[in-house]
Amino acid sequence: MRLTVLGCAGSFPGPESPCSAYLLEADGFRLLIDFGVGSLSTLQRYVGLHAPDAVLLTHLHCDHMFDAVSYVVVRRYAPDGPYPPLPMYAPSGAPDRLASAYGQEEGSVEDVYQFYGLQPGTFPIGPFTVTVDRMNHPVETYGVRLEHGGRVFCYSADTAPCEALLRLAQDADVFLCEASYMDGVDNPPDLHLTGREAGEAATKAGVGRLLLTHLVPAWGSESHTVESAAGAFAGPLEVVRAGASYDI
């Protein structure tokens, strides 16, 4: 498996990165996990406008899905289009949410996306064995575990600490984990992780490598987040950047 980071800024685009979007590739199949604000630009820059074979949206907050709305134009009105419906795995309400954001009637983007509703469990997408479970976040949100060729990748999506995250991340080779909040301050409950909490989750789950994402540059300190995570996790860790790729 290979991971390419298309966007990693938390909550809104940062000065150096769009919002969350991650491309996972194996056996020539490309799965786009999340499609946040600005990531349609980096999709073209790093892999190609029509690269995704399927899309998985972890939840329907704009910083994780809004460029899926812009992508309607790409597939519906391309000079060599329209393109056939692209498989999209997403929480309940996604068809109407995307249609509403696009400015059309309910169900009107189903010529562009073939929707599959997420619920906790395991299922195939292309060559991947995918397991999702509900995270600790205010809206319906799914963490993701991908397995292929004896390797395991886990993505936290957005979440506060929860047991489901530890189950998904158990023994993962690479754990892509959000770390939105600063340690040592009074953060809102049941919303996001701090660097220390991300490190603790990685240690409890026994992961091989921790990749931190979803930091909010305008509101925090990357060095403080890394220091906090390293204090709780002794393995290799780093903050991801848009355009970075990782073999898993």
C-alpha atoms as a PDB file:
ATOM      1  CA  MET A   1       0.000   0.000   0.000  1.00  0.00           C
ATOM      2  CA  ARG A   2       1.056   3.569  -0.605  1.00  0.00           C
ATOM      3  CA  LEU A   3      -0.310   6.678   1.105  1.00  0.00           C
ATOM      4  CA  THR A   4      -0.213  10.099  -0.553  1.00  0.00           C
ATOM      5  CA  VAL A   5      -1.251  13.091   1.547  1.00  0.00           C
ATOM      6  CA  LEU A   6      -3.307  15.542  -0.499  1.00  0.00           C
ATOM      7  CA  GLY A   7      -4.395  17.677   2.439  1.00  0.00           C
ATOM      8  CA  CYS A   8      -3.890  17.586   6.182  1.00  0.00           C
ATOM      9  CA  ALA A   9      -4.935  20.946   7.678  1.00  0.00           C
ATOM     10  CA  GLY A  10      -7.489  20.755  10.444  1.00  0.00           C
ATOM     11  CA  SER A  11     -10.858  22.532  10.364  1.00  0.00           C
ATOM     12  CA  PHE A  12      -9.960  24.972   7.567  1.00  0.00           C
ATOM     13  CA  PRO A  13      -7.190  25.180   4.949  1.00  0.00           C
ATOM     14  CA  GLY A  14      -3.836  26.304   6.278  1.00  0.00           C
ATOM     15  CA  PRO A  15      -1.203  28.425   4.552  1.00  0.00           C
ATOM     16  CA  GLU A  16       0.597  25.309   3.270  1.00  0.00           C
ATOM     17  CA  SER A  17      -2.101  22.653   2.979  1.00  0.00           C
ATOM     18  CA  PRO A  18      -5.711  22.018   2.035  1.00  0.00           C
ATOM     19  CA  CYS A  19      -7.987  20.178   4.422  1.00  0.00           C
ATOM     20  CA  SER A  20      -8.062  16.415   4.914  1.00  0.00           C
ATOM     21  CA  ALA A  21      -7.659  14.146   1.886  1.00  0.00           C
ATOM     22  CA  TYR A  22      -5.590  10.964   1.685  1.00  0.00           C
ATOM     23  CA  LEU A  23      -5.045   8.688  -1.307  1.00  0.00           C
ATOM     24  CA  LEU A  24      -4.370   4.988  -0.626  1.00  0.00           C
ATOM     25  CA  GLU A  25      -3.110   2.910  -3.532  1.00  0.00           C
ATOM     26  CA  ALA A  26      -2.593  -0.834  -3.982  1.00  0.00           C
ATOM     27  CA  ASP A  27      -2.561  -3.052  -7.075  1.00  0.00           C
ATOM     28  CA  GLY A  28      -3.291  -0.032  -9.270  1.00  0.00           C
ATOM     29  CA  PHE A  29      -6.485   0.847  -7.360  1.00  0.00           C
ATOM     30  CA  ARG A  30      -6.766   4.290  -5.754  1.00  0.00           C
ATOM     31  CA  LEU A  31      -9.065   4.985  -2.819  1.00  0.00           C
ATOM     32  CA  LEU A  32      -9.506   8.604  -1.773  1.00  0.00           C
ATOM     33  CA  ILE A  33     -10.293   8.911   1.933  1.00  0.00           C
ATOM     34  CA  ASP A  34     -11.893  12.289   2.646  1.00  0.00           C
ATOM     35  CA  PHE A  35     -12.076  15.125   0.143  1.00  0.00           C
ATOM     36  CA  GLY A  36     -11.673  18.312   2.192  1.00  0.00           C
ATOM     37  CA  VAL A  37     -11.636  21.946   1.155  1.00  0.00           C
ATOM     38  CA  GLY A  38      -8.854  22.705  -1.339  1.00  0.00           C
ATOM     39  CA  SER A  39      -7.818  19.101  -1.946  1.00  0.00           C
ATOM     40  CA  LEU A  40      -9.160  19.017  -5.503  1.00  0.00           C
ATOM     41  CA  SER A  41      -6.192  21.244  -6.351  1.00  0.00           C
ATOM     42  CA  THR A  42      -3.603  18.910  -4.850  1.00  0.00           C
ATOM     43  CA  LEU A  43      -5.347  15.876  -6.342  1.00  0.00           C
ATOM     44  CA  GLN A  44      -4.467  17.341  -9.745  1.00  0.00           C
ATOM     45  CA  ARG A  45      -0.975  18.373  -8.673  1.00  0.00           C
ATOM     46  CA  TYR A  46       0.189  15.080  -7.194  1.00  0.00           C
ATOM     47  CA  VAL A  47      -1.823  12.275  -8.805  1.00  0.00           C
ATOM     48  CA  GLY A  48      -4.296  13.407 -11.459  1.00  0.00           C
ATOM     49  CA  LEU A  49      -7.792  14.788 -11.823  1.00  0.00           C
ATOM     50  CA  HIS A  50      -9.427  11.418 -12.475  1.00  0.00           C
ATOM     51  CA  ALA A  51      -7.185   9.324 -10.232  1.00  0.00           C
ATOM     52  CA  PRO A  52      -9.690   8.040  -7.628  1.00  0.00           C
ATOM     53  CA  ASP A  53     -11.420   4.712  -8.276  1.00  0.00           C
ATOM     54  CA  ALA A  54     -13.573   5.191  -5.174  1.00  0.00           C
ATOM     55  CA  VAL A  55     -14.099   7.736  -2.387  1.00  0.00           C
ATOM     56  CA  LEU A  56     -14.682   7.184   1.319  1.00  0.00           C
ATOM     57  CA  LEU A  57     -15.897  10.102   3.420  1.00  0.00           C
ATOM     58  CA  THR A  58     -15.347   9.619   7.135  1.00  0.00           C
ATOM     59  CA  HIS A  59     -17.924  12.288   8.011  1.00  0.00           C
ATOM     60  CA  LEU A  60     -19.781  15.210   6.546  1.00  0.00           C
ATOM     61  CA  HIS A  61     -18.034  18.205   8.085  1.00  0.00           C
ATOM     62  CA  CYS A  62     -16.881  20.535   5.308  1.00  0.00           C
ATOM     63  CA  ASP A  63     -13.180  20.139   6.018  1.00  0.00           C
ATOM     64  CA  HIS A  64     -13.527  16.446   5.141  1.00  0.00           C
ATOM     65  CA  MET A  65     -15.957  16.439   2.219  1.00  0.00           C
ATOM     66  CA  PHE A  66     -16.569  19.779   0.539  1.00  0.00           C
ATOM     67  CA  ASP A  67     -14.414  19.267  -2.553  1.00  0.00           C
ATOM     68  CA  ALA A  68     -16.556  16.223  -3.364  1.00  0.00           C
ATOM     69  CA  VAL A  69     -19.142  18.873  -4.235  1.00  0.00           C
ATOM     70  CA  SER A  70     -16.803  20.647  -6.660  1.00  0.00           C
ATOM     71  CA  TYR A  71     -15.889  17.259  -8.135  1.00  0.00           C
ATOM     72  CA  VAL A  72     -19.456  16.954  -9.446  1.00  0.00           C
ATOM     73  CA  VAL A  73     -18.541  19.453 -12.160  1.00  0.00           C
ATOM     74  CA  VAL A  74     -15.378  17.504 -13.049  1.00  0.00           C
ATOM     75  CA  ARG A  75     -17.233  14.271 -13.716  1.00  0.00           C
ATOM     76  CA  ARG A  76     -20.556  15.572 -15.006  1.00  0.00           C
ATOM     77  CA  TYR A  77     -19.382  18.256 -17.440  1.00  0.00           C
ATOM     78  CA  ALA A  78     -15.981  17.020 -18.654  1.00  0.00           C
ATOM     79  CA  PRO A  79     -15.518  17.423 -22.425  1.00  0.00           C
ATOM     80  CA  ASP A  80     -15.051  13.648 -22.679  1.00  0.00           C
ATOM     81  CA  GLY A  81     -17.756  12.967 -20.082  1.00  0.00           C
ATOM     82  CA  PRO A  82     -20.019  12.523 -18.372  1.00  0.00           C
ATOM     83  CA  TYR A  83     -18.128   9.907 -16.412  1.00  0.00           C
ATOM     84  CA  PRO A  84     -19.871   6.878 -14.894  1.00  0.00           C
ATOM     85  CA  PRO A  85     -20.902   7.122 -11.217  1.00  0.00           C
ATOM     86  CA  LEU A  86     -17.937   6.908  -8.849  1.00  0.00           C
ATOM     87  CA  PRO A  87     -18.388   4.614  -5.836  1.00  0.00           C
ATOM     88  CA  MET A  88     -18.687   6.686  -2.670  1.00  0.00           C
ATOM     89  CA  TYR A  89     -18.779   5.192   0.827  1.00  0.00           C
ATOM     90  CA  ALA A  90     -20.143   7.743   3.270  1.00  0.00           C
ATOM     91  CA  PRO A  91     -22.313   8.303   6.350  1.00  0.00           C
ATOM     92  CA  SER A  92     -26.067   8.470   6.063  1.00  0.00           C
ATOM     93  CA  GLY A  93     -27.301  11.706   4.559  1.00  0.00           C
ATOM     94  CA  ALA A  94     -24.373  12.123   2.175  1.00  0.00           C
ATOM     95  CA  PRO A  95     -26.424  12.177  -1.068  1.00  0.00           C
ATOM     96  CA  ASP A  96     -28.671  14.963   0.182  1.00  0.00           C
ATOM     97  CA  ARG A  97     -25.822  16.859   1.847  1.00  0.00           C
ATOM     98  CA  LEU A  98     -23.761  16.953  -1.337  1.00  0.00           C
ATOM     99  CA  ALA A  99     -26.763  17.831  -3.479  1.00  0.00           C
ATOM    100  CA  SER A 100     -27.758  20.653  -1.141  1.00  0.00           C
ATOM    101  CA  ALA A 101     -24.228  22.075  -1.100  1.00  0.00           C
ATOM    102  CA  TYR A 102     -24.116  21.898  -4.887  1.00  0.00           C
ATOM    103  CA  GLY A 103     -27.421  23.758  -5.058  1.00  0.00           C
ATOM    104  CA  GLN A 104     -29.637  21.076  -6.513  1.00  0.00           C
ATOM    105  CA  GLU A 105     -32.582  19.011  -5.367  1.00  0.00           C
ATOM    106  CA  GLU A 106     -32.160  16.024  -3.058  1.00  0.00           C
ATOM    107  CA  GLY A 107     -30.656  12.973  -4.728  1.00  0.00           C
ATOM    108  CA  SER A 108     -29.488  14.960  -7.738  1.00  0.00           C
ATOM    109  CA  VAL A 109     -25.799  13.988  -7.586  1.00  0.00           C
ATOM    110  CA  GLU A 110     -26.423  10.267  -7.980  1.00  0.00           C
ATOM    111  CA  ASP A 111     -25.424  10.512 -11.634  1.00  0.00           C
ATOM    112  CA  VAL A 112     -21.936  11.354 -10.323  1.00  0.00           C
ATOM    113  CA  TYR A 113     -21.659   9.142  -7.218  1.00  0.00           C
ATOM    114  CA  GLN A 114     -22.918   5.659  -6.472  1.00  0.00           C
ATOM    115  CA  PHE A 115     -23.515   5.851  -2.726  1.00  0.00           C
ATOM    116  CA  TYR A 116     -22.910   3.107  -0.173  1.00  0.00           C
ATOM    117  CA  GLY A 117     -23.895   3.898   3.403  1.00  0.00           C
ATOM    118  CA  LEU A 118     -21.262   3.283   6.056  1.00  0.00           C
ATOM    119  CA  GLN A 119     -21.944   1.368   9.226  1.00  0.00           C
ATOM    120  CA  PRO A 120     -19.563  -0.394  11.629  1.00  0.00           C
ATOM    121  CA  GLY A 121     -18.132  -3.527  10.068  1.00  0.00           C
ATOM    122  CA  THR A 122     -15.735  -4.989   7.497  1.00  0.00           C
ATOM    123  CA  PHE A 123     -16.151  -4.971   3.709  1.00  0.00           C
ATOM    124  CA  PRO A 124     -14.023  -4.852   0.524  1.00  0.00           C
ATOM    125  CA  ILE A 125     -13.202  -1.788  -1.552  1.00  0.00           C
ATOM    126  CA  GLY A 126     -11.086  -2.783  -4.537  1.00  0.00           C
ATOM    127  CA  PRO A 127      -8.105  -4.782  -3.214  1.00  0.00           C
ATOM    128  CA  PHE A 128      -8.496  -3.426   0.332  1.00  0.00           C
ATOM    129  CA  THR A 129     -10.167  -5.071   3.289  1.00  0.00           C
ATOM    130  CA  VAL A 130     -11.805  -2.120   5.018  1.00  0.00           C
ATOM    131  CA  THR A 131     -13.047  -1.954   8.606  1.00  0.00           C
ATOM    132  CA  VAL A 132     -14.844   1.120   9.929  1.00  0.00           C
ATOM    133  CA  ASP A 133     -16.234   2.013  13.338  1.00  0.00           C
ATOM    134  CA  ARG A 134     -17.906   5.013  14.934  1.00  0.00           C
ATOM    135  CA  MET A 135     -15.636   7.589  16.480  1.00  0.00           C
ATOM    136  CA  ASN A 136     -16.196  10.020  19.367  1.00  0.00           C
ATOM    137  CA  HIS A 137     -17.204  13.118  17.382  1.00  0.00           C
ATOM    138  CA  PRO A 138     -20.392  15.222  17.342  1.00  0.00           C
ATOM    139  CA  VAL A 139     -21.601  13.908  13.967  1.00  0.00           C
ATOM    140  CA  GLU A 140     -21.672  10.407  12.479  1.00  0.00           C
ATOM    141  CA  THR A 141     -17.954   9.774  11.972  1.00  0.00           C
ATOM    142  CA  TYR A 142     -15.977   6.659  11.074  1.00  0.00           C
ATOM    143  CA  GLY A 143     -12.385   5.744  11.721  1.00  0.00           C
ATOM    144  CA  VAL A 144     -10.881   3.517   9.022  1.00  0.00           C
ATOM    145  CA  ARG A 145      -8.641   0.444   8.994  1.00  0.00           C
ATOM    146  CA  LEU A 146      -7.268  -0.816   5.667  1.00  0.00           C
ATOM    147  CA  GLU A 147      -5.553  -4.169   5.226  1.00  0.00           C
ATOM    148  CA  HIS A 148      -3.752  -5.415   2.158  1.00  0.00           C
ATOM    149  CA  GLY A 149      -0.868  -7.808   1.543  1.00  0.00           C
ATOM    150  CA  GLY A 150      -0.292  -8.388   5.243  1.00  0.00           C
ATOM    151  CA  ARG A 151       0.064  -4.669   6.004  1.00  0.00           C
ATOM    152  CA  VAL A 152      -2.301  -2.469   8.025  1.00  0.00           C
ATOM    153  CA  PHE A 153      -3.091   1.230   7.793  1.00  0.00           C
ATOM    154  CA  CYS A 154      -5.387   3.036  10.235  1.00  0.00           C
ATOM    155  CA  TYR A 155      -6.841   6.542  10.018  1.00  0.00           C
ATOM    156  CA  SER A 156      -8.510   8.089  13.045  1.00  0.00           C
ATOM    157  CA  ALA A 157     -10.687  10.571  11.151  1.00  0.00           C
ATOM    158  CA  ASP A 158     -11.853  13.159  13.724  1.00  0.00           C
ATOM    159  CA  THR A 159     -12.339  11.852  17.239  1.00  0.00           C
ATOM    160  CA  ALA A 160     -11.793  12.306  20.934  1.00  0.00           C
ATOM    161  CA  PRO A 161     -10.366   9.303  22.823  1.00  0.00           C
ATOM    162  CA  CYS A 162     -12.467   6.145  22.492  1.00  0.00           C
ATOM    163  CA  GLU A 163     -12.086   2.376  22.616  1.00  0.00           C
ATOM    164  CA  ALA A 164     -13.200   1.961  18.998  1.00  0.00           C
ATOM    165  CA  LEU A 165     -10.137   3.895  17.839  1.00  0.00           C
ATOM    166  CA  LEU A 166      -7.836   1.542  19.729  1.00  0.00           C
ATOM    167  CA  ARG A 167      -9.524  -1.477  18.157  1.00  0.00           C
ATOM    168  CA  LEU A 168      -9.117  -0.091  14.658  1.00  0.00           C
ATOM    169  CA  ALA A 169      -5.478   0.876  15.224  1.00  0.00           C
ATOM    170  CA  GLN A 170      -4.447  -2.407  16.901  1.00  0.00           C
ATOM    171  CA  ASP A 171      -1.008  -3.455  15.564  1.00  0.00           C
ATOM    172  CA  ALA A 172      -1.278  -1.116  12.550  1.00  0.00           C
ATOM    173  CA  ASP A 173       1.928  -0.599  10.627  1.00  0.00           C
ATOM    174  CA  VAL A 174       1.029   3.053  10.040  1.00  0.00           C
ATOM    175  CA  PHE A 175      -1.413   5.048  12.187  1.00  0.00           C
ATOM    176  CA  LEU A 176      -2.539   8.364  10.706  1.00  0.00           C
ATOM    177  CA  CYS A 177      -3.999  10.155  13.693  1.00  0.00           C
ATOM    178  CA  GLU A 178      -5.497  13.569  14.222  1.00  0.00           C
ATOM    179  CA  ALA A 179      -3.952  15.849  16.846  1.00  0.00           C
ATOM    180  CA  SER A 180      -5.985  19.034  16.657  1.00  0.00           C
ATOM    181  CA  TYR A 181      -5.834  20.291  20.224  1.00  0.00           C
ATOM    182  CA  MET A 182      -3.031  21.574  22.428  1.00  0.00           C
ATOM    183  CA  ASP A 183      -2.223  19.767  25.641  1.00  0.00           C
ATOM    184  CA  GLY A 184      -2.431  21.701  28.884  1.00  0.00           C
ATOM    185  CA  VAL A 185      -5.466  23.804  27.986  1.00  0.00           C
ATOM    186  CA  ASP A 186      -9.192  23.398  28.615  1.00  0.00           C
ATOM    187  CA  ASN A 187     -10.369  21.833  25.351  1.00  0.00           C
ATOM    188  CA  PRO A 188     -14.012  21.052  24.512  1.00  0.00           C
ATOM    189  CA  PRO A 189     -14.865  17.421  25.317  1.00  0.00           C
ATOM    190  CA  ASP A 190     -15.735  14.663  22.833  1.00  0.00           C
ATOM    191  CA  LEU A 191     -14.402  16.413  19.760  1.00  0.00           C
ATOM    192  CA  HIS A 192     -10.667  16.025  19.005  1.00  0.00           C
ATOM    193  CA  LEU A 193      -7.375  14.589  20.265  1.00  0.00           C
ATOM    194  CA  THR A 194      -4.295  16.333  21.606  1.00  0.00           C
ATOM    195  CA  GLY A 195      -0.765  15.299  20.670  1.00  0.00           C
ATOM    196  CA  ARG A 196      -0.421  13.418  23.948  1.00  0.00           C
ATOM    197  CA  GLU A 197      -3.713  11.607  23.417  1.00  0.00           C
ATOM    198  CA  ALA A 198      -2.668  10.616  19.901  1.00  0.00           C
ATOM    199  CA  GLY A 199       0.610   9.261  21.292  1.00  0.00           C
ATOM    200  CA  GLU A 200      -1.204   7.383  24.033  1.00  0.00           C
ATOM    201  CA  ALA A 201      -3.557   5.791  21.516  1.00  0.00           C
ATOM    202  CA  ALA A 202      -0.601   4.739  19.363  1.00  0.00           C
ATOM    203  CA  THR A 203       1.145   3.152  22.346  1.00  0.00           C
ATOM    204  CA  LYS A 204      -1.950   1.331  23.583  1.00  0.00           C
ATOM    205  CA  ALA A 205      -2.657  -0.009  20.094  1.00  0.00           C
ATOM    206  CA  GLY A 206       0.936  -1.098  19.524  1.00  0.00           C
ATOM    207  CA  VAL A 207       1.334   0.657  16.167  1.00  0.00           C
ATOM    208  CA  GLY A 208       4.567   0.721  14.219  1.00  0.00           C
ATOM    209  CA  ARG A 209       4.608   4.332  13.089  1.00  0.00           C
ATOM    210  CA  LEU A 210       2.570   7.384  14.060  1.00  0.00           C
ATOM    211  CA  LEU A 211       1.720  10.077  11.528  1.00  0.00           C
ATOM    212  CA  LEU A 212       0.107  13.178  13.010  1.00  0.00           C
ATOM    213  CA  THR A 213      -2.458  15.109  10.998  1.00  0.00           C
ATOM    214  CA  HIS A 214      -5.325  17.602  11.264  1.00  0.00           C
ATOM    215  CA  LEU A 215      -3.270  20.173  13.154  1.00  0.00           C
ATOM    216  CA  VAL A 216      -4.652  23.723  13.045  1.00  0.00           C
ATOM    217  CA  PRO A 217      -1.624  25.942  12.269  1.00  0.00           C
ATOM    218  CA  ALA A 218      -3.357  29.219  13.145  1.00  0.00           C
ATOM    219  CA  TRP A 219      -4.338  28.059  16.606  1.00  0.00           C
ATOM    220  CA  GLY A 220      -1.539  25.842  17.855  1.00  0.00           C
ATOM    221  CA  SER A 221       2.124  24.939  17.965  1.00  0.00           C
ATOM    222  CA  GLU A 222       3.353  22.056  15.843  1.00  0.00           C
ATOM    223  CA  SER A 223       6.484  21.644  17.939  1.00  0.00           C
ATOM    224  CA  HIS A 224       4.403  21.432  21.115  1.00  0.00           C
ATOM    225  CA  THR A 225       2.136  18.815  19.520  1.00  0.00           C
ATOM    226  CA  VAL A 226       5.106  16.708  18.426  1.00  0.00           C
ATOM    227  CA  GLU A 227       6.749  17.001  21.845  1.00  0.00           C
ATOM    228  CA  SER A 228       3.530  15.970  23.565  1.00  0.00           C
ATOM    229  CA  ALA A 229       3.023  12.991  21.252  1.00  0.00           C
ATOM    230  CA  ALA A 230       6.654  11.868  21.619  1.00  0.00           C
ATOM    231  CA  GLY A 231       6.258  11.914  25.390  1.00  0.00           C
ATOM    232  CA  ALA A 232       3.554   9.269  25.090  1.00  0.00           C
ATOM    233  CA  PHE A 233       4.820   7.224  22.120  1.00  0.00           C
ATOM    234  CA  ALA A 234       8.386   5.930  21.825  1.00  0.00           C
ATOM    235  CA  GLY A 235       8.184   4.866  18.177  1.00  0.00           C
ATOM    236  CA  PRO A 236       8.808   6.874  15.009  1.00  0.00           C
ATOM    237  CA  LEU A 237       6.435   9.782  14.487  1.00  0.00           C
ATOM    238  CA  GLU A 238       6.119  12.864  12.308  1.00  0.00           C
ATOM    239  CA  VAL A 239       3.644  15.476  11.171  1.00  0.00           C
ATOM    240  CA  VAL A 240       2.464  14.852   7.614  1.00  0.00           C
ATOM    241  CA  ARG A 241       2.658  17.433   4.813  1.00  0.00           C
ATOM    242  CA  ALA A 242       0.612  17.872   1.661  1.00  0.00           C
ATOM    243  CA  GLY A 243       2.388  16.032  -1.138  1.00  0.00           C
ATOM    244  CA  ALA A 244       4.173  13.557   1.122  1.00  0.00           C
ATOM    245  CA  SER A 245       3.993   9.849   0.305  1.00  0.00           C
ATOM    246  CA  TYR A 246       4.554   6.803   2.485  1.00  0.00           C
ATOM    247  CA  ASP A 247       4.977   3.125   1.713  1.00  0.00           C
ATOM    248  CA  ILE A 248       3.020   0.997   4.165  1.00  0.00           C
END
